[in-house]
Amino acid sequence: FFTSDSADHSTNLPSYVEIKLKMK
């Protein structure tokens, strides 16, 4: 999971979250 600002979040949400999957 990658956040929009490349930072960690605990009490607020990032603008968006990129979900990355790799299946073999």
PDBML (XML) file of the C-alpha atoms, coordinates in Angstrom:
<?xml version="1.0" encoding="UTF-8" ?>
<PDBx:datablock datablockName="MODEL"
   xmlns:PDBx="http://pdbml.pdb.org/schema/pdbx-v50.xsd"
   xmlns:xsi="http://www.w3.org/2001/XMLSchema-instance"
   xsi:schemaLocation="http://pdbml.pdb.org/schema/pdbx-v50.xsd pdbx-v50.xsd">
   <PDBx:atom_siteCategory>
      <PDBx:atom_site id="1">
         <PDBx:B_iso_or_equiv>0.00</PDBx:B_iso_or_equiv>
         <PDBx:Cartn_x>0.000</PDBx:Cartn_x>
         <PDBx:Cartn_y>0.000</PDBx:Cartn_y>
         <PDBx:Cartn_z>0.000</PDBx:Cartn_z>
         <PDBx:auth_asym_id>A</PDBx:auth_asym_id>
         <PDBx:auth_atom_id>CA</PDBx:auth_atom_id>
         <PDBx:auth_comp_id>PHE</PDBx:auth_comp_id>
         <PDBx:auth_seq_id>1</PDBx:auth_seq_id>
         <PDBx:group_PDB>ATOM</PDBx:group_PDB>
         <PDBx:label_alt_id xsi:nil="true" />
         <PDBx:label_asym_id>A</PDBx:label_asym_id>
         <PDBx:label_atom_id>CA</PDBx:label_atom_id>
         <PDBx:label_comp_id>PHE</PDBx:label_comp_id>
         <PDBx:label_entity_id>1</PDBx:label_entity_id>
         <PDBx:label_seq_id>1</PDBx:label_seq_id>
         <PDBx:occupancy>1.00</PDBx:occupancy>
         <PDBx:pdbx_PDB_model_num>1</PDBx:pdbx_PDB_model_num>
         <PDBx:type_symbol>C</PDBx:type_symbol>
      </PDBx:atom_site>
      <PDBx:atom_site id="2">
         <PDBx:B_iso_or_equiv>0.00</PDBx:B_iso_or_equiv>
         <PDBx:Cartn_x>1.389</PDBx:Cartn_x>
         <PDBx:Cartn_y>3.408</PDBx:Cartn_y>
         <PDBx:Cartn_z>-1.015</PDBx:Cartn_z>
         <PDBx:auth_asym_id>A</PDBx:auth_asym_id>
         <PDBx:auth_atom_id>CA</PDBx:auth_atom_id>
         <PDBx:auth_comp_id>PHE</PDBx:auth_comp_id>
         <PDBx:auth_seq_id>2</PDBx:auth_seq_id>
         <PDBx:group_PDB>ATOM</PDBx:group_PDB>
         <PDBx:label_alt_id xsi:nil="true" />
         <PDBx:label_asym_id>A</PDBx:label_asym_id>
         <PDBx:label_atom_id>CA</PDBx:label_atom_id>
         <PDBx:label_comp_id>PHE</PDBx:label_comp_id>
         <PDBx:label_entity_id>1</PDBx:label_entity_id>
         <PDBx:label_seq_id>2</PDBx:label_seq_id>
         <PDBx:occupancy>1.00</PDBx:occupancy>
         <PDBx:pdbx_PDB_model_num>1</PDBx:pdbx_PDB_model_num>
         <PDBx:type_symbol>C</PDBx:type_symbol>
      </PDBx:atom_site>
      <PDBx:atom_site id="3">
         <PDBx:B_iso_or_equiv>0.00</PDBx:B_iso_or_equiv>
         <PDBx:Cartn_x>0.049</PDBx:Cartn_x>
         <PDBx:Cartn_y>6.722</PDBx:Cartn_y>
         <PDBx:Cartn_z>0.254</PDBx:Cartn_z>
         <PDBx:auth_asym_id>A</PDBx:auth_asym_id>
         <PDBx:auth_atom_id>CA</PDBx:auth_atom_id>
         <PDBx:auth_comp_id>THR</PDBx:auth_comp_id>
         <PDBx:auth_seq_id>3</PDBx:auth_seq_id>
         <PDBx:group_PDB>ATOM</PDBx:group_PDB>
         <PDBx:label_alt_id xsi:nil="true" />
         <PDBx:label_asym_id>A</PDBx:label_asym_id>
         <PDBx:label_atom_id>CA</PDBx:label_atom_id>
         <PDBx:label_comp_id>THR</PDBx:label_comp_id>
         <PDBx:label_entity_id>1</PDBx:label_entity_id>
         <PDBx:label_seq_id>3</PDBx:label_seq_id>
         <PDBx:occupancy>1.00</PDBx:occupancy>
         <PDBx:pdbx_PDB_model_num>1</PDBx:pdbx_PDB_model_num>
         <PDBx:type_symbol>C</PDBx:type_symbol>
      </PDBx:atom_site>
      <PDBx:atom_site id="4">
         <PDBx:B_iso_or_equiv>0.00</PDBx:B_iso_or_equiv>
         <PDBx:Cartn_x>-0.391</PDBx:Cartn_x>
         <PDBx:Cartn_y>9.788</PDBx:Cartn_y>
         <PDBx:Cartn_z>-1.936</PDBx:Cartn_z>
         <PDBx:auth_asym_id>A</PDBx:auth_asym_id>
         <PDBx:auth_atom_id>CA</PDBx:auth_atom_id>
         <PDBx:auth_comp_id>SER</PDBx:auth_comp_id>
         <PDBx:auth_seq_id>4</PDBx:auth_seq_id>
         <PDBx:group_PDB>ATOM</PDBx:group_PDB>
         <PDBx:label_alt_id xsi:nil="true" />
         <PDBx:label_asym_id>A</PDBx:label_asym_id>
         <PDBx:label_atom_id>CA</PDBx:label_atom_id>
         <PDBx:label_comp_id>SER</PDBx:label_comp_id>
         <PDBx:label_entity_id>1</PDBx:label_entity_id>
         <PDBx:label_seq_id>4</PDBx:label_seq_id>
         <PDBx:occupancy>1.00</PDBx:occupancy>
         <PDBx:pdbx_PDB_model_num>1</PDBx:pdbx_PDB_model_num>
         <PDBx:type_symbol>C</PDBx:type_symbol>
      </PDBx:atom_site>
      <PDBx:atom_site id="5">
         <PDBx:B_iso_or_equiv>0.00</PDBx:B_iso_or_equiv>
         <PDBx:Cartn_x>2.198</PDBx:Cartn_x>
         <PDBx:Cartn_y>11.796</PDBx:Cartn_y>
         <PDBx:Cartn_z>0.038</PDBx:Cartn_z>
         <PDBx:auth_asym_id>A</PDBx:auth_asym_id>
         <PDBx:auth_atom_id>CA</PDBx:auth_atom_id>
         <PDBx:auth_comp_id>ASP</PDBx:auth_comp_id>
         <PDBx:auth_seq_id>5</PDBx:auth_seq_id>
         <PDBx:group_PDB>ATOM</PDBx:group_PDB>
         <PDBx:label_alt_id xsi:nil="true" />
         <PDBx:label_asym_id>A</PDBx:label_asym_id>
         <PDBx:label_atom_id>CA</PDBx:label_atom_id>
         <PDBx:label_comp_id>ASP</PDBx:label_comp_id>
         <PDBx:label_entity_id>1</PDBx:label_entity_id>
         <PDBx:label_seq_id>5</PDBx:label_seq_id>
         <PDBx:occupancy>1.00</PDBx:occupancy>
         <PDBx:pdbx_PDB_model_num>1</PDBx:pdbx_PDB_model_num>
         <PDBx:type_symbol>C</PDBx:type_symbol>
      </PDBx:atom_site>
      <PDBx:atom_site id="6">
         <PDBx:B_iso_or_equiv>0.00</PDBx:B_iso_or_equiv>
         <PDBx:Cartn_x>4.579</PDBx:Cartn_x>
         <PDBx:Cartn_y>8.866</PDBx:Cartn_y>
         <PDBx:Cartn_z>0.713</PDBx:Cartn_z>
         <PDBx:auth_asym_id>A</PDBx:auth_asym_id>
         <PDBx:auth_atom_id>CA</PDBx:auth_atom_id>
         <PDBx:auth_comp_id>SER</PDBx:auth_comp_id>
         <PDBx:auth_seq_id>6</PDBx:auth_seq_id>
         <PDBx:group_PDB>ATOM</PDBx:group_PDB>
         <PDBx:label_alt_id xsi:nil="true" />
         <PDBx:label_asym_id>A</PDBx:label_asym_id>
         <PDBx:label_atom_id>CA</PDBx:label_atom_id>
         <PDBx:label_comp_id>SER</PDBx:label_comp_id>
         <PDBx:label_entity_id>1</PDBx:label_entity_id>
         <PDBx:label_seq_id>6</PDBx:label_seq_id>
         <PDBx:occupancy>1.00</PDBx:occupancy>
         <PDBx:pdbx_PDB_model_num>1</PDBx:pdbx_PDB_model_num>
         <PDBx:type_symbol>C</PDBx:type_symbol>
      </PDBx:atom_site>
      <PDBx:atom_site id="7">
         <PDBx:B_iso_or_equiv>0.00</PDBx:B_iso_or_equiv>
         <PDBx:Cartn_x>4.046</PDBx:Cartn_x>
         <PDBx:Cartn_y>9.367</PDBx:Cartn_y>
         <PDBx:Cartn_z>4.446</PDBx:Cartn_z>
         <PDBx:auth_asym_id>A</PDBx:auth_asym_id>
         <PDBx:auth_atom_id>CA</PDBx:auth_atom_id>
         <PDBx:auth_comp_id>ALA</PDBx:auth_comp_id>
         <PDBx:auth_seq_id>7</PDBx:auth_seq_id>
         <PDBx:group_PDB>ATOM</PDBx:group_PDB>
         <PDBx:label_alt_id xsi:nil="true" />
         <PDBx:label_asym_id>A</PDBx:label_asym_id>
         <PDBx:label_atom_id>CA</PDBx:label_atom_id>
         <PDBx:label_comp_id>ALA</PDBx:label_comp_id>
         <PDBx:label_entity_id>1</PDBx:label_entity_id>
         <PDBx:label_seq_id>7</PDBx:label_seq_id>
         <PDBx:occupancy>1.00</PDBx:occupancy>
         <PDBx:pdbx_PDB_model_num>1</PDBx:pdbx_PDB_model_num>
         <PDBx:type_symbol>C</PDBx:type_symbol>
      </PDBx:atom_site>
      <PDBx:atom_site id="8">
         <PDBx:B_iso_or_equiv>0.00</PDBx:B_iso_or_equiv>
         <PDBx:Cartn_x>2.573</PDBx:Cartn_x>
         <PDBx:Cartn_y>7.231</PDBx:Cartn_y>
         <PDBx:Cartn_z>7.221</PDBx:Cartn_z>
         <PDBx:auth_asym_id>A</PDBx:auth_asym_id>
         <PDBx:auth_atom_id>CA</PDBx:auth_atom_id>
         <PDBx:auth_comp_id>ASP</PDBx:auth_comp_id>
         <PDBx:auth_seq_id>8</PDBx:auth_seq_id>
         <PDBx:group_PDB>ATOM</PDBx:group_PDB>
         <PDBx:label_alt_id xsi:nil="true" />
         <PDBx:label_asym_id>A</PDBx:label_asym_id>
         <PDBx:label_atom_id>CA</PDBx:label_atom_id>
         <PDBx:label_comp_id>ASP</PDBx:label_comp_id>
         <PDBx:label_entity_id>1</PDBx:label_entity_id>
         <PDBx:label_seq_id>8</PDBx:label_seq_id>
         <PDBx:occupancy>1.00</PDBx:occupancy>
         <PDBx:pdbx_PDB_model_num>1</PDBx:pdbx_PDB_model_num>
         <PDBx:type_symbol>C</PDBx:type_symbol>
      </PDBx:atom_site>
      <PDBx:atom_site id="9">
         <PDBx:B_iso_or_equiv>0.00</PDBx:B_iso_or_equiv>
         <PDBx:Cartn_x>-0.897</PDBx:Cartn_x>
         <PDBx:Cartn_y>8.083</PDBx:Cartn_y>
         <PDBx:Cartn_z>8.543</PDBx:Cartn_z>
         <PDBx:auth_asym_id>A</PDBx:auth_asym_id>
         <PDBx:auth_atom_id>CA</PDBx:auth_atom_id>
         <PDBx:auth_comp_id>HIS</PDBx:auth_comp_id>
         <PDBx:auth_seq_id>9</PDBx:auth_seq_id>
         <PDBx:group_PDB>ATOM</PDBx:group_PDB>
         <PDBx:label_alt_id xsi:nil="true" />
         <PDBx:label_asym_id>A</PDBx:label_asym_id>
         <PDBx:label_atom_id>CA</PDBx:label_atom_id>
         <PDBx:label_comp_id>HIS</PDBx:label_comp_id>
         <PDBx:label_entity_id>1</PDBx:label_entity_id>
         <PDBx:label_seq_id>9</PDBx:label_seq_id>
         <PDBx:occupancy>1.00</PDBx:occupancy>
         <PDBx:pdbx_PDB_model_num>1</PDBx:pdbx_PDB_model_num>
         <PDBx:type_symbol>C</PDBx:type_symbol>
      </PDBx:atom_site>
      <PDBx:atom_site id="10">
         <PDBx:B_iso_or_equiv>0.00</PDBx:B_iso_or_equiv>
         <PDBx:Cartn_x>-2.554</PDBx:Cartn_x>
         <PDBx:Cartn_y>7.276</PDBx:Cartn_y>
         <PDBx:Cartn_z>11.870</PDBx:Cartn_z>
         <PDBx:auth_asym_id>A</PDBx:auth_asym_id>
         <PDBx:auth_atom_id>CA</PDBx:auth_atom_id>
         <PDBx:auth_comp_id>SER</PDBx:auth_comp_id>
         <PDBx:auth_seq_id>10</PDBx:auth_seq_id>
         <PDBx:group_PDB>ATOM</PDBx:group_PDB>
         <PDBx:label_alt_id xsi:nil="true" />
         <PDBx:label_asym_id>A</PDBx:label_asym_id>
         <PDBx:label_atom_id>CA</PDBx:label_atom_id>
         <PDBx:label_comp_id>SER</PDBx:label_comp_id>
         <PDBx:label_entity_id>1</PDBx:label_entity_id>
         <PDBx:label_seq_id>10</PDBx:label_seq_id>
         <PDBx:occupancy>1.00</PDBx:occupancy>
         <PDBx:pdbx_PDB_model_num>1</PDBx:pdbx_PDB_model_num>
         <PDBx:type_symbol>C</PDBx:type_symbol>
      </PDBx:atom_site>
      <PDBx:atom_site id="11">
         <PDBx:B_iso_or_equiv>0.00</PDBx:B_iso_or_equiv>
         <PDBx:Cartn_x>-4.979</PDBx:Cartn_x>
         <PDBx:Cartn_y>10.064</PDBx:Cartn_y>
         <PDBx:Cartn_z>12.845</PDBx:Cartn_z>
         <PDBx:auth_asym_id>A</PDBx:auth_asym_id>
         <PDBx:auth_atom_id>CA</PDBx:auth_atom_id>
         <PDBx:auth_comp_id>THR</PDBx:auth_comp_id>
         <PDBx:auth_seq_id>11</PDBx:auth_seq_id>
         <PDBx:group_PDB>ATOM</PDBx:group_PDB>
         <PDBx:label_alt_id xsi:nil="true" />
         <PDBx:label_asym_id>A</PDBx:label_asym_id>
         <PDBx:label_atom_id>CA</PDBx:label_atom_id>
         <PDBx:label_comp_id>THR</PDBx:label_comp_id>
         <PDBx:label_entity_id>1</PDBx:label_entity_id>
         <PDBx:label_seq_id>11</PDBx:label_seq_id>
         <PDBx:occupancy>1.00</PDBx:occupancy>
         <PDBx:pdbx_PDB_model_num>1</PDBx:pdbx_PDB_model_num>
         <PDBx:type_symbol>C</PDBx:type_symbol>
      </PDBx:atom_site>
      <PDBx:atom_site id="12">
         <PDBx:B_iso_or_equiv>0.00</PDBx:B_iso_or_equiv>
         <PDBx:Cartn_x>-5.769</PDBx:Cartn_x>
         <PDBx:Cartn_y>11.353</PDBx:Cartn_y>
         <PDBx:Cartn_z>9.350</PDBx:Cartn_z>
         <PDBx:auth_asym_id>A</PDBx:auth_asym_id>
         <PDBx:auth_atom_id>CA</PDBx:auth_atom_id>
         <PDBx:auth_comp_id>ASN</PDBx:auth_comp_id>
         <PDBx:auth_seq_id>12</PDBx:auth_seq_id>
         <PDBx:group_PDB>ATOM</PDBx:group_PDB>
         <PDBx:label_alt_id xsi:nil="true" />
         <PDBx:label_asym_id>A</PDBx:label_asym_id>
         <PDBx:label_atom_id>CA</PDBx:label_atom_id>
         <PDBx:label_comp_id>ASN</PDBx:label_comp_id>
         <PDBx:label_entity_id>1</PDBx:label_entity_id>
         <PDBx:label_seq_id>12</PDBx:label_seq_id>
         <PDBx:occupancy>1.00</PDBx:occupancy>
         <PDBx:pdbx_PDB_model_num>1</PDBx:pdbx_PDB_model_num>
         <PDBx:type_symbol>C</PDBx:type_symbol>
      </PDBx:atom_site>
      <PDBx:atom_site id="13">
         <PDBx:B_iso_or_equiv>0.00</PDBx:B_iso_or_equiv>
         <PDBx:Cartn_x>-6.222</PDBx:Cartn_x>
         <PDBx:Cartn_y>9.866</PDBx:Cartn_y>
         <PDBx:Cartn_z>5.901</PDBx:Cartn_z>
         <PDBx:auth_asym_id>A</PDBx:auth_asym_id>
         <PDBx:auth_atom_id>CA</PDBx:auth_atom_id>
         <PDBx:auth_comp_id>LEU</PDBx:auth_comp_id>
         <PDBx:auth_seq_id>13</PDBx:auth_seq_id>
         <PDBx:group_PDB>ATOM</PDBx:group_PDB>
         <PDBx:label_alt_id xsi:nil="true" />
         <PDBx:label_asym_id>A</PDBx:label_asym_id>
         <PDBx:label_atom_id>CA</PDBx:label_atom_id>
         <PDBx:label_comp_id>LEU</PDBx:label_comp_id>
         <PDBx:label_entity_id>1</PDBx:label_entity_id>
         <PDBx:label_seq_id>13</PDBx:label_seq_id>
         <PDBx:occupancy>1.00</PDBx:occupancy>
         <PDBx:pdbx_PDB_model_num>1</PDBx:pdbx_PDB_model_num>
         <PDBx:type_symbol>C</PDBx:type_symbol>
      </PDBx:atom_site>
      <PDBx:atom_site id="14">
         <PDBx:B_iso_or_equiv>0.00</PDBx:B_iso_or_equiv>
         <PDBx:Cartn_x>-4.073</PDBx:Cartn_x>
         <PDBx:Cartn_y>10.452</PDBx:Cartn_y>
         <PDBx:Cartn_z>2.820</PDBx:Cartn_z>
         <PDBx:auth_asym_id>A</PDBx:auth_asym_id>
         <PDBx:auth_atom_id>CA</PDBx:auth_atom_id>
         <PDBx:auth_comp_id>PRO</PDBx:auth_comp_id>
         <PDBx:auth_seq_id>14</PDBx:auth_seq_id>
         <PDBx:group_PDB>ATOM</PDBx:group_PDB>
         <PDBx:label_alt_id xsi:nil="true" />
         <PDBx:label_asym_id>A</PDBx:label_asym_id>
         <PDBx:label_atom_id>CA</PDBx:label_atom_id>
         <PDBx:label_comp_id>PRO</PDBx:label_comp_id>
         <PDBx:label_entity_id>1</PDBx:label_entity_id>
         <PDBx:label_seq_id>14</PDBx:label_seq_id>
         <PDBx:occupancy>1.00</PDBx:occupancy>
         <PDBx:pdbx_PDB_model_num>1</PDBx:pdbx_PDB_model_num>
         <PDBx:type_symbol>C</PDBx:type_symbol>
      </PDBx:atom_site>
      <PDBx:atom_site id="15">
         <PDBx:B_iso_or_equiv>0.00</PDBx:B_iso_or_equiv>
         <PDBx:Cartn_x>-5.640</PDBx:Cartn_x>
         <PDBx:Cartn_y>11.848</PDBx:Cartn_y>
         <PDBx:Cartn_z>-0.336</PDBx:Cartn_z>
         <PDBx:auth_asym_id>A</PDBx:auth_asym_id>
         <PDBx:auth_atom_id>CA</PDBx:auth_atom_id>
         <PDBx:auth_comp_id>SER</PDBx:auth_comp_id>
         <PDBx:auth_seq_id>15</PDBx:auth_seq_id>
         <PDBx:group_PDB>ATOM</PDBx:group_PDB>
         <PDBx:label_alt_id xsi:nil="true" />
         <PDBx:label_asym_id>A</PDBx:label_asym_id>
         <PDBx:label_atom_id>CA</PDBx:label_atom_id>
         <PDBx:label_comp_id>SER</PDBx:label_comp_id>
         <PDBx:label_entity_id>1</PDBx:label_entity_id>
         <PDBx:label_seq_id>15</PDBx:label_seq_id>
         <PDBx:occupancy>1.00</PDBx:occupancy>
         <PDBx:pdbx_PDB_model_num>1</PDBx:pdbx_PDB_model_num>
         <PDBx:type_symbol>C</PDBx:type_symbol>
      </PDBx:atom_site>
      <PDBx:atom_site id="16">
         <PDBx:B_iso_or_equiv>0.00</PDBx:B_iso_or_equiv>
         <PDBx:Cartn_x>-5.540</PDBx:Cartn_x>
         <PDBx:Cartn_y>8.396</PDBx:Cartn_y>
         <PDBx:Cartn_z>-1.847</PDBx:Cartn_z>
         <PDBx:auth_asym_id>A</PDBx:auth_asym_id>
         <PDBx:auth_atom_id>CA</PDBx:auth_atom_id>
         <PDBx:auth_comp_id>TYR</PDBx:auth_comp_id>
         <PDBx:auth_seq_id>16</PDBx:auth_seq_id>
         <PDBx:group_PDB>ATOM</PDBx:group_PDB>
         <PDBx:label_alt_id xsi:nil="true" />
         <PDBx:label_asym_id>A</PDBx:label_asym_id>
         <PDBx:label_atom_id>CA</PDBx:label_atom_id>
         <PDBx:label_comp_id>TYR</PDBx:label_comp_id>
         <PDBx:label_entity_id>1</PDBx:label_entity_id>
         <PDBx:label_seq_id>16</PDBx:label_seq_id>
         <PDBx:occupancy>1.00</PDBx:occupancy>
         <PDBx:pdbx_PDB_model_num>1</PDBx:pdbx_PDB_model_num>
         <PDBx:type_symbol>C</PDBx:type_symbol>
      </PDBx:atom_site>
      <PDBx:atom_site id="17">
         <PDBx:B_iso_or_equiv>0.00</PDBx:B_iso_or_equiv>
         <PDBx:Cartn_x>-3.923</PDBx:Cartn_x>
         <PDBx:Cartn_y>5.010</PDBx:Cartn_y>
         <PDBx:Cartn_z>-1.367</PDBx:Cartn_z>
         <PDBx:auth_asym_id>A</PDBx:auth_asym_id>
         <PDBx:auth_atom_id>CA</PDBx:auth_atom_id>
         <PDBx:auth_comp_id>VAL</PDBx:auth_comp_id>
         <PDBx:auth_seq_id>17</PDBx:auth_seq_id>
         <PDBx:group_PDB>ATOM</PDBx:group_PDB>
         <PDBx:label_alt_id xsi:nil="true" />
         <PDBx:label_asym_id>A</PDBx:label_asym_id>
         <PDBx:label_atom_id>CA</PDBx:label_atom_id>
         <PDBx:label_comp_id>VAL</PDBx:label_comp_id>
         <PDBx:label_entity_id>1</PDBx:label_entity_id>
         <PDBx:label_seq_id>17</PDBx:label_seq_id>
         <PDBx:occupancy>1.00</PDBx:occupancy>
         <PDBx:pdbx_PDB_model_num>1</PDBx:pdbx_PDB_model_num>
         <PDBx:type_symbol>C</PDBx:type_symbol>
      </PDBx:atom_site>
      <PDBx:atom_site id="18">
         <PDBx:B_iso_or_equiv>0.00</PDBx:B_iso_or_equiv>
         <PDBx:Cartn_x>-2.422</PDBx:Cartn_x>
         <PDBx:Cartn_y>3.007</PDBx:Cartn_y>
         <PDBx:Cartn_z>-4.208</PDBx:Cartn_z>
         <PDBx:auth_asym_id>A</PDBx:auth_asym_id>
         <PDBx:auth_atom_id>CA</PDBx:auth_atom_id>
         <PDBx:auth_comp_id>GLU</PDBx:auth_comp_id>
         <PDBx:auth_seq_id>18</PDBx:auth_seq_id>
         <PDBx:group_PDB>ATOM</PDBx:group_PDB>
         <PDBx:label_alt_id xsi:nil="true" />
         <PDBx:label_asym_id>A</PDBx:label_asym_id>
         <PDBx:label_atom_id>CA</PDBx:label_atom_id>
         <PDBx:label_comp_id>GLU</PDBx:label_comp_id>
         <PDBx:label_entity_id>1</PDBx:label_entity_id>
         <PDBx:label_seq_id>18</PDBx:label_seq_id>
         <PDBx:occupancy>1.00</PDBx:occupancy>
         <PDBx:pdbx_PDB_model_num>1</PDBx:pdbx_PDB_model_num>
         <PDBx:type_symbol>C</PDBx:type_symbol>
      </PDBx:atom_site>
      <PDBx:atom_site id="19">
         <PDBx:B_iso_or_equiv>0.00</PDBx:B_iso_or_equiv>
         <PDBx:Cartn_x>-2.887</PDBx:Cartn_x>
         <PDBx:Cartn_y>-0.745</PDBx:Cartn_y>
         <PDBx:Cartn_z>-3.895</PDBx:Cartn_z>
         <PDBx:auth_asym_id>A</PDBx:auth_asym_id>
         <PDBx:auth_atom_id>CA</PDBx:auth_atom_id>
         <PDBx:auth_comp_id>ILE</PDBx:auth_comp_id>
         <PDBx:auth_seq_id>19</PDBx:auth_seq_id>
         <PDBx:group_PDB>ATOM</PDBx:group_PDB>
         <PDBx:label_alt_id xsi:nil="true" />
         <PDBx:label_asym_id>A</PDBx:label_asym_id>
         <PDBx:label_atom_id>CA</PDBx:label_atom_id>
         <PDBx:label_comp_id>ILE</PDBx:label_comp_id>
         <PDBx:label_entity_id>1</PDBx:label_entity_id>
         <PDBx:label_seq_id>19</PDBx:label_seq_id>
         <PDBx:occupancy>1.00</PDBx:occupancy>
         <PDBx:pdbx_PDB_model_num>1</PDBx:pdbx_PDB_model_num>
         <PDBx:type_symbol>C</PDBx:type_symbol>
      </PDBx:atom_site>
      <PDBx:atom_site id="20">
         <PDBx:B_iso_or_equiv>0.00</PDBx:B_iso_or_equiv>
         <PDBx:Cartn_x>-0.280</PDBx:Cartn_x>
         <PDBx:Cartn_y>-2.909</PDBx:Cartn_y>
         <PDBx:Cartn_z>-5.597</PDBx:Cartn_z>
         <PDBx:auth_asym_id>A</PDBx:auth_asym_id>
         <PDBx:auth_atom_id>CA</PDBx:auth_atom_id>
         <PDBx:auth_comp_id>LYS</PDBx:auth_comp_id>
         <PDBx:auth_seq_id>20</PDBx:auth_seq_id>
         <PDBx:group_PDB>ATOM</PDBx:group_PDB>
         <PDBx:label_alt_id xsi:nil="true" />
         <PDBx:label_asym_id>A</PDBx:label_asym_id>
         <PDBx:label_atom_id>CA</PDBx:label_atom_id>
         <PDBx:label_comp_id>LYS</PDBx:label_comp_id>
         <PDBx:label_entity_id>1</PDBx:label_entity_id>
         <PDBx:label_seq_id>20</PDBx:label_seq_id>
         <PDBx:occupancy>1.00</PDBx:occupancy>
         <PDBx:pdbx_PDB_model_num>1</PDBx:pdbx_PDB_model_num>
         <PDBx:type_symbol>C</PDBx:type_symbol>
      </PDBx:atom_site>
      <PDBx:atom_site id="21">
         <PDBx:B_iso_or_equiv>0.00</PDBx:B_iso_or_equiv>
         <PDBx:Cartn_x>-0.716</PDBx:Cartn_x>
         <PDBx:Cartn_y>-6.648</PDBx:Cartn_y>
         <PDBx:Cartn_z>-6.159</PDBx:Cartn_z>
         <PDBx:auth_asym_id>A</PDBx:auth_asym_id>
         <PDBx:auth_atom_id>CA</PDBx:auth_atom_id>
         <PDBx:auth_comp_id>LEU</PDBx:auth_comp_id>
         <PDBx:auth_seq_id>21</PDBx:auth_seq_id>
         <PDBx:group_PDB>ATOM</PDBx:group_PDB>
         <PDBx:label_alt_id xsi:nil="true" />
         <PDBx:label_asym_id>A</PDBx:label_asym_id>
         <PDBx:label_atom_id>CA</PDBx:label_atom_id>
         <PDBx:label_comp_id>LEU</PDBx:label_comp_id>
         <PDBx:label_entity_id>1</PDBx:label_entity_id>
         <PDBx:label_seq_id>21</PDBx:label_seq_id>
         <PDBx:occupancy>1.00</PDBx:occupancy>
         <PDBx:pdbx_PDB_model_num>1</PDBx:pdbx_PDB_model_num>
         <PDBx:type_symbol>C</PDBx:type_symbol>
      </PDBx:atom_site>
      <PDBx:atom_site id="22">
         <PDBx:B_iso_or_equiv>0.00</PDBx:B_iso_or_equiv>
         <PDBx:Cartn_x>1.680</PDBx:Cartn_x>
         <PDBx:Cartn_y>-9.131</PDBx:Cartn_y>
         <PDBx:Cartn_z>-7.721</PDBx:Cartn_z>
         <PDBx:auth_asym_id>A</PDBx:auth_asym_id>
         <PDBx:auth_atom_id>CA</PDBx:auth_atom_id>
         <PDBx:auth_comp_id>LYS</PDBx:auth_comp_id>
         <PDBx:auth_seq_id>22</PDBx:auth_seq_id>
         <PDBx:group_PDB>ATOM</PDBx:group_PDB>
         <PDBx:label_alt_id xsi:nil="true" />
         <PDBx:label_asym_id>A</PDBx:label_asym_id>
         <PDBx:label_atom_id>CA</PDBx:label_atom_id>
         <PDBx:label_comp_id>LYS</PDBx:label_comp_id>
         <PDBx:label_entity_id>1</PDBx:label_entity_id>
         <PDBx:label_seq_id>22</PDBx:label_seq_id>
         <PDBx:occupancy>1.00</PDBx:occupancy>
         <PDBx:pdbx_PDB_model_num>1</PDBx:pdbx_PDB_model_num>
         <PDBx:type_symbol>C</PDBx:type_symbol>
      </PDBx:atom_site>
      <PDBx:atom_site id="23">
         <PDBx:B_iso_or_equiv>0.00</PDBx:B_iso_or_equiv>
         <PDBx:Cartn_x>0.351</PDBx:Cartn_x>
         <PDBx:Cartn_y>-12.602</PDBx:Cartn_y>
         <PDBx:Cartn_z>-8.435</PDBx:Cartn_z>
         <PDBx:auth_asym_id>A</PDBx:auth_asym_id>
         <PDBx:auth_atom_id>CA</PDBx:auth_atom_id>
         <PDBx:auth_comp_id>MET</PDBx:auth_comp_id>
         <PDBx:auth_seq_id>23</PDBx:auth_seq_id>
         <PDBx:group_PDB>ATOM</PDBx:group_PDB>
         <PDBx:label_alt_id xsi:nil="true" />
         <PDBx:label_asym_id>A</PDBx:label_asym_id>
         <PDBx:label_atom_id>CA</PDBx:label_atom_id>
         <PDBx:label_comp_id>MET</PDBx:label_comp_id>
         <PDBx:label_entity_id>1</PDBx:label_entity_id>
         <PDBx:label_seq_id>23</PDBx:label_seq_id>
         <PDBx:occupancy>1.00</PDBx:occupancy>
         <PDBx:pdbx_PDB_model_num>1</PDBx:pdbx_PDB_model_num>
         <PDBx:type_symbol>C</PDBx:type_symbol>
      </PDBx:atom_site>
      <PDBx:atom_site id="24">
         <PDBx:B_iso_or_equiv>0.00</PDBx:B_iso_or_equiv>
         <PDBx:Cartn_x>2.401</PDBx:Cartn_x>
         <PDBx:Cartn_y>-15.399</PDBx:Cartn_y>
         <PDBx:Cartn_z>-9.940</PDBx:Cartn_z>
         <PDBx:auth_asym_id>A</PDBx:auth_asym_id>
         <PDBx:auth_atom_id>CA</PDBx:auth_atom_id>
         <PDBx:auth_comp_id>LYS</PDBx:auth_comp_id>
         <PDBx:auth_seq_id>24</PDBx:auth_seq_id>
         <PDBx:group_PDB>ATOM</PDBx:group_PDB>
         <PDBx:label_alt_id xsi:nil="true" />
         <PDBx:label_asym_id>A</PDBx:label_asym_id>
         <PDBx:label_atom_id>CA</PDBx:label_atom_id>
         <PDBx:label_comp_id>LYS</PDBx:label_comp_id>
         <PDBx:label_entity_id>1</PDBx:label_entity_id>
         <PDBx:label_seq_id>24</PDBx:label_seq_id>
         <PDBx:occupancy>1.00</PDBx:occupancy>
         <PDBx:pdbx_PDB_model_num>1</PDBx:pdbx_PDB_model_num>
         <PDBx:type_symbol>C</PDBx:type_symbol>
      </PDBx:atom_site>
   </PDBx:atom_siteCategory>
</PDBx:datablock>
